[in-house]
């Protein structure tokens, strides 16, 4: 499955599995580095998805009206 097709939950699950694999005894440096690279790609895709979702989030203001979510940072 392509990263773009994965849900955030699926990506978190894969990332968790990569972390577990890196923590296993007997993992070579090469294996750990490959897991690290894969994890960083997943994190980047997850960040992109979360950023896109953030732009779509609406919040209800005090009058009960919907308004676009504004990042206050």
N, C-alpha and C. Protein backbone atom coordinates (compact mmCIF):
# COMPACT_ATOMS: atom_id res chain seq x y z
N UNK A 1 0.85 -1.19 0.00
CA UNK A 1 0.00 0.00 0.00
C UNK A 1 0.89 1.24 0.00
N UNK A 2 0.56 2.19 -0.83
CA UNK A 2 1.31 3.44 -0.90
C UNK A 2 1.04 4.27 0.35
N UNK A 3 2.04 5.06 0.76
CA UNK A 3 1.89 5.89 1.96
C UNK A 3 0.72 6.85 1.85
N UNK A 4 0.46 7.37 0.64
CA UNK A 4 -0.63 8.32 0.45
C UNK A 4 -1.99 7.67 0.70
N UNK A 5 -2.07 6.35 0.52
CA UNK A 5 -3.33 5.62 0.70
C UNK A 5 -3.56 5.21 2.14
N UNK A 6 -2.53 5.22 2.96
CA UNK A 6 -2.65 4.78 4.34
C UNK A 6 -3.38 5.81 5.18
N UNK A 7 -4.16 5.30 6.12
CA UNK A 7 -4.76 6.20 7.10
C UNK A 7 -3.68 6.58 8.11
N UNK A 8 -3.95 7.61 8.87
CA UNK A 8 -2.99 8.00 9.91
C UNK A 8 -2.80 6.87 10.91
N UNK A 9 -3.88 6.17 11.22
CA UNK A 9 -3.79 5.07 12.17
C UNK A 9 -2.89 3.96 11.64
N UNK A 10 -3.01 3.64 10.34
CA UNK A 10 -2.15 2.62 9.73
C UNK A 10 -0.70 3.07 9.75
N UNK A 11 -0.47 4.34 9.50
CA UNK A 11 0.90 4.86 9.52
C UNK A 11 1.48 4.81 10.92
N UNK A 12 0.68 5.17 11.94
CA UNK A 12 1.15 5.07 13.33
C UNK A 12 1.47 3.63 13.69
N UNK A 13 0.63 2.69 13.24
CA UNK A 13 0.89 1.28 13.52
C UNK A 13 2.20 0.82 12.89
N UNK A 14 2.43 1.21 11.63
CA UNK A 14 3.68 0.83 10.97
C UNK A 14 4.86 1.45 11.69
N UNK A 15 4.73 2.71 12.07
CA UNK A 15 5.81 3.39 12.77
C UNK A 15 6.12 2.69 14.09
N UNK A 16 5.08 2.27 14.79
CA UNK A 16 5.26 1.54 16.05
C UNK A 16 6.01 0.23 15.80
N UNK A 17 5.65 -0.46 14.73
CA UNK A 17 6.34 -1.71 14.38
C UNK A 17 7.81 -1.48 14.05
N UNK A 18 8.09 -0.39 13.36
CA UNK A 18 9.48 -0.06 13.04
C UNK A 18 10.28 0.21 14.31
N UNK A 19 9.67 0.92 15.24
CA UNK A 19 10.37 1.20 16.51
C UNK A 19 10.65 -0.09 17.27
N UNK A 20 9.68 -0.99 17.29
CA UNK A 20 9.88 -2.27 17.97
C UNK A 20 11.00 -3.06 17.30
N UNK A 21 11.04 -3.05 15.97
CA UNK A 21 12.08 -3.78 15.24
C UNK A 21 13.45 -3.20 15.53
N UNK A 22 13.53 -1.89 15.68
CA UNK A 22 14.81 -1.25 15.97
C UNK A 22 15.29 -1.58 17.38
N UNK A 23 14.35 -1.83 18.28
CA UNK A 23 14.71 -2.11 19.67
C UNK A 23 15.06 -3.58 19.90
N UNK A 24 14.79 -4.44 18.93
CA UNK A 24 15.06 -5.87 19.09
C UNK A 24 16.56 -6.13 19.17
N UNK A 25 16.89 -7.12 20.00
CA UNK A 25 18.27 -7.59 20.05
C UNK A 25 18.58 -8.27 18.72
N UNK A 26 19.77 -8.10 18.24
CA UNK A 26 20.19 -8.76 17.02
C UNK A 26 19.94 -7.97 15.76
N UNK A 27 19.29 -6.83 15.85
CA UNK A 27 19.09 -6.00 14.67
C UNK A 27 20.43 -5.38 14.28
N UNK A 28 20.78 -5.50 13.01
CA UNK A 28 22.04 -4.92 12.57
C UNK A 28 21.89 -3.40 12.43
N UNK A 29 23.03 -2.75 12.33
CA UNK A 29 23.01 -1.30 12.13
C UNK A 29 22.32 -0.98 10.81
N UNK A 30 22.57 -1.78 9.79
CA UNK A 30 21.96 -1.56 8.49
C UNK A 30 20.44 -1.69 8.56
N UNK A 31 19.97 -2.72 9.28
CA UNK A 31 18.53 -2.91 9.45
C UNK A 31 17.92 -1.74 10.22
N UNK A 32 18.58 -1.35 11.28
CA UNK A 32 18.08 -0.24 12.09
C UNK A 32 18.04 1.05 11.27
N UNK A 33 19.06 1.29 10.46
CA UNK A 33 19.09 2.49 9.64
C UNK A 33 17.98 2.46 8.59
N UNK A 34 17.73 1.29 7.99
CA UNK A 34 16.64 1.15 7.02
C UNK A 34 15.30 1.43 7.68
N UNK A 35 15.11 0.93 8.90
CA UNK A 35 13.88 1.19 9.65
C UNK A 35 13.76 2.68 9.97
N UNK A 36 14.88 3.30 10.35
CA UNK A 36 14.89 4.73 10.65
C UNK A 36 14.48 5.54 9.42
N UNK A 37 15.08 5.22 8.27
CA UNK A 37 14.74 5.93 7.03
C UNK A 37 13.26 5.78 6.71
N UNK A 38 12.75 4.57 6.82
CA UNK A 38 11.33 4.32 6.53
C UNK A 38 10.46 5.12 7.51
N UNK A 39 10.84 5.11 8.77
CA UNK A 39 10.09 5.84 9.78
C UNK A 39 10.06 7.34 9.51
N UNK A 40 11.18 7.88 9.08
CA UNK A 40 11.23 9.31 8.79
C UNK A 40 10.35 9.66 7.59
N UNK A 41 10.29 8.79 6.60
CA UNK A 41 9.40 9.02 5.45
C UNK A 41 7.95 8.98 5.90
N UNK A 42 7.63 8.02 6.77
CA UNK A 42 6.27 7.95 7.30
C UNK A 42 5.91 9.20 8.08
N UNK A 43 6.81 9.66 8.93
CA UNK A 43 6.56 10.86 9.73
C UNK A 43 6.31 12.06 8.82
N UNK A 44 7.08 12.18 7.75
CA UNK A 44 6.89 13.28 6.81
C UNK A 44 5.51 13.22 6.17
N UNK A 45 5.09 12.03 5.71
CA UNK A 45 3.78 11.88 5.09
C UNK A 45 2.67 12.15 6.10
N UNK A 46 2.87 11.70 7.34
CA UNK A 46 1.88 11.93 8.38
C UNK A 46 1.75 13.42 8.67
N UNK A 47 2.87 14.12 8.70
CA UNK A 47 2.86 15.57 8.92
C UNK A 47 2.10 16.27 7.80
N UNK A 48 2.34 15.85 6.56
CA UNK A 48 1.63 16.44 5.42
C UNK A 48 0.12 16.22 5.53
N UNK A 49 -0.27 15.00 5.91
CA UNK A 49 -1.70 14.70 6.05
C UNK A 49 -2.33 15.52 7.18
N UNK A 50 -1.63 15.61 8.30
CA UNK A 50 -2.16 16.38 9.43
C UNK A 50 -2.26 17.87 9.09
N UNK A 51 -1.29 18.38 8.36
CA UNK A 51 -1.34 19.79 7.95
C UNK A 51 -2.52 20.04 7.02
N UNK A 52 -2.77 19.11 6.11
CA UNK A 52 -3.91 19.25 5.20
C UNK A 52 -5.23 19.18 5.97
N UNK A 53 -5.30 18.28 6.93
CA UNK A 53 -6.52 18.17 7.74
C UNK A 53 -6.75 19.41 8.59
N UNK A 54 -5.67 19.95 9.11
CA UNK A 54 -5.79 21.14 9.96
C UNK A 54 -6.46 22.28 9.20
N UNK A 55 -6.14 22.39 7.91
CA UNK A 55 -6.74 23.44 7.11
C UNK A 55 -8.23 23.25 6.91
N UNK A 56 -8.74 22.04 7.11
CA UNK A 56 -10.15 21.75 6.91
C UNK A 56 -10.97 21.78 8.19
N UNK A 57 -10.27 21.84 9.30
CA UNK A 57 -10.95 21.79 10.59
C UNK A 57 -11.77 23.06 10.80
N UNK A 58 -12.98 22.86 11.21
CA UNK A 58 -13.83 24.00 11.56
C UNK A 58 -14.10 23.96 13.05
N UNK A 59 -14.29 25.09 13.59
CA UNK A 59 -14.67 25.14 14.99
C UNK A 59 -15.88 26.05 15.14
N UNK A 60 -16.64 25.73 16.12
CA UNK A 60 -17.84 26.52 16.36
C UNK A 60 -17.47 27.70 17.25
N UNK A 61 -17.82 28.87 16.79
CA UNK A 61 -17.51 30.05 17.59
C UNK A 61 -18.57 30.24 18.68
N UNK A 62 -18.45 31.26 19.45
CA UNK A 62 -19.35 31.49 20.58
C UNK A 62 -20.81 31.63 20.17
N UNK A 63 -21.07 32.09 18.95
CA UNK A 63 -22.45 32.26 18.48
C UNK A 63 -23.00 30.99 17.83
N UNK A 64 -22.21 29.92 17.82
CA UNK A 64 -22.66 28.69 17.21
C UNK A 64 -22.46 28.62 15.72
N UNK A 65 -21.71 29.57 15.18
CA UNK A 65 -21.42 29.60 13.75
C UNK A 65 -20.14 28.81 13.47
N UNK A 66 -20.10 28.21 12.30
CA UNK A 66 -18.89 27.52 11.90
C UNK A 66 -17.92 28.52 11.28
N UNK A 67 -16.64 28.36 11.60
CA UNK A 67 -15.62 29.19 10.99
C UNK A 67 -14.39 28.33 10.79
N UNK A 68 -13.58 28.69 9.81
CA UNK A 68 -12.38 27.94 9.54
C UNK A 68 -11.44 28.00 10.74
N UNK A 69 -10.77 26.90 10.99
CA UNK A 69 -9.79 26.82 12.07
C UNK A 69 -8.63 27.74 11.73
N UNK A 70 -8.26 28.59 12.65
CA UNK A 70 -7.13 29.50 12.44
C UNK A 70 -6.00 29.11 13.37
N UNK A 71 -4.85 28.86 12.79
CA UNK A 71 -3.67 28.52 13.60
C UNK A 71 -3.16 29.81 14.23
N UNK A 72 -3.07 29.82 15.54
CA UNK A 72 -2.70 31.03 16.26
C UNK A 72 -1.20 31.10 16.53
N UNK A 73 -0.41 30.24 15.91
CA UNK A 73 1.05 30.24 16.14
C UNK A 73 1.71 31.17 15.20
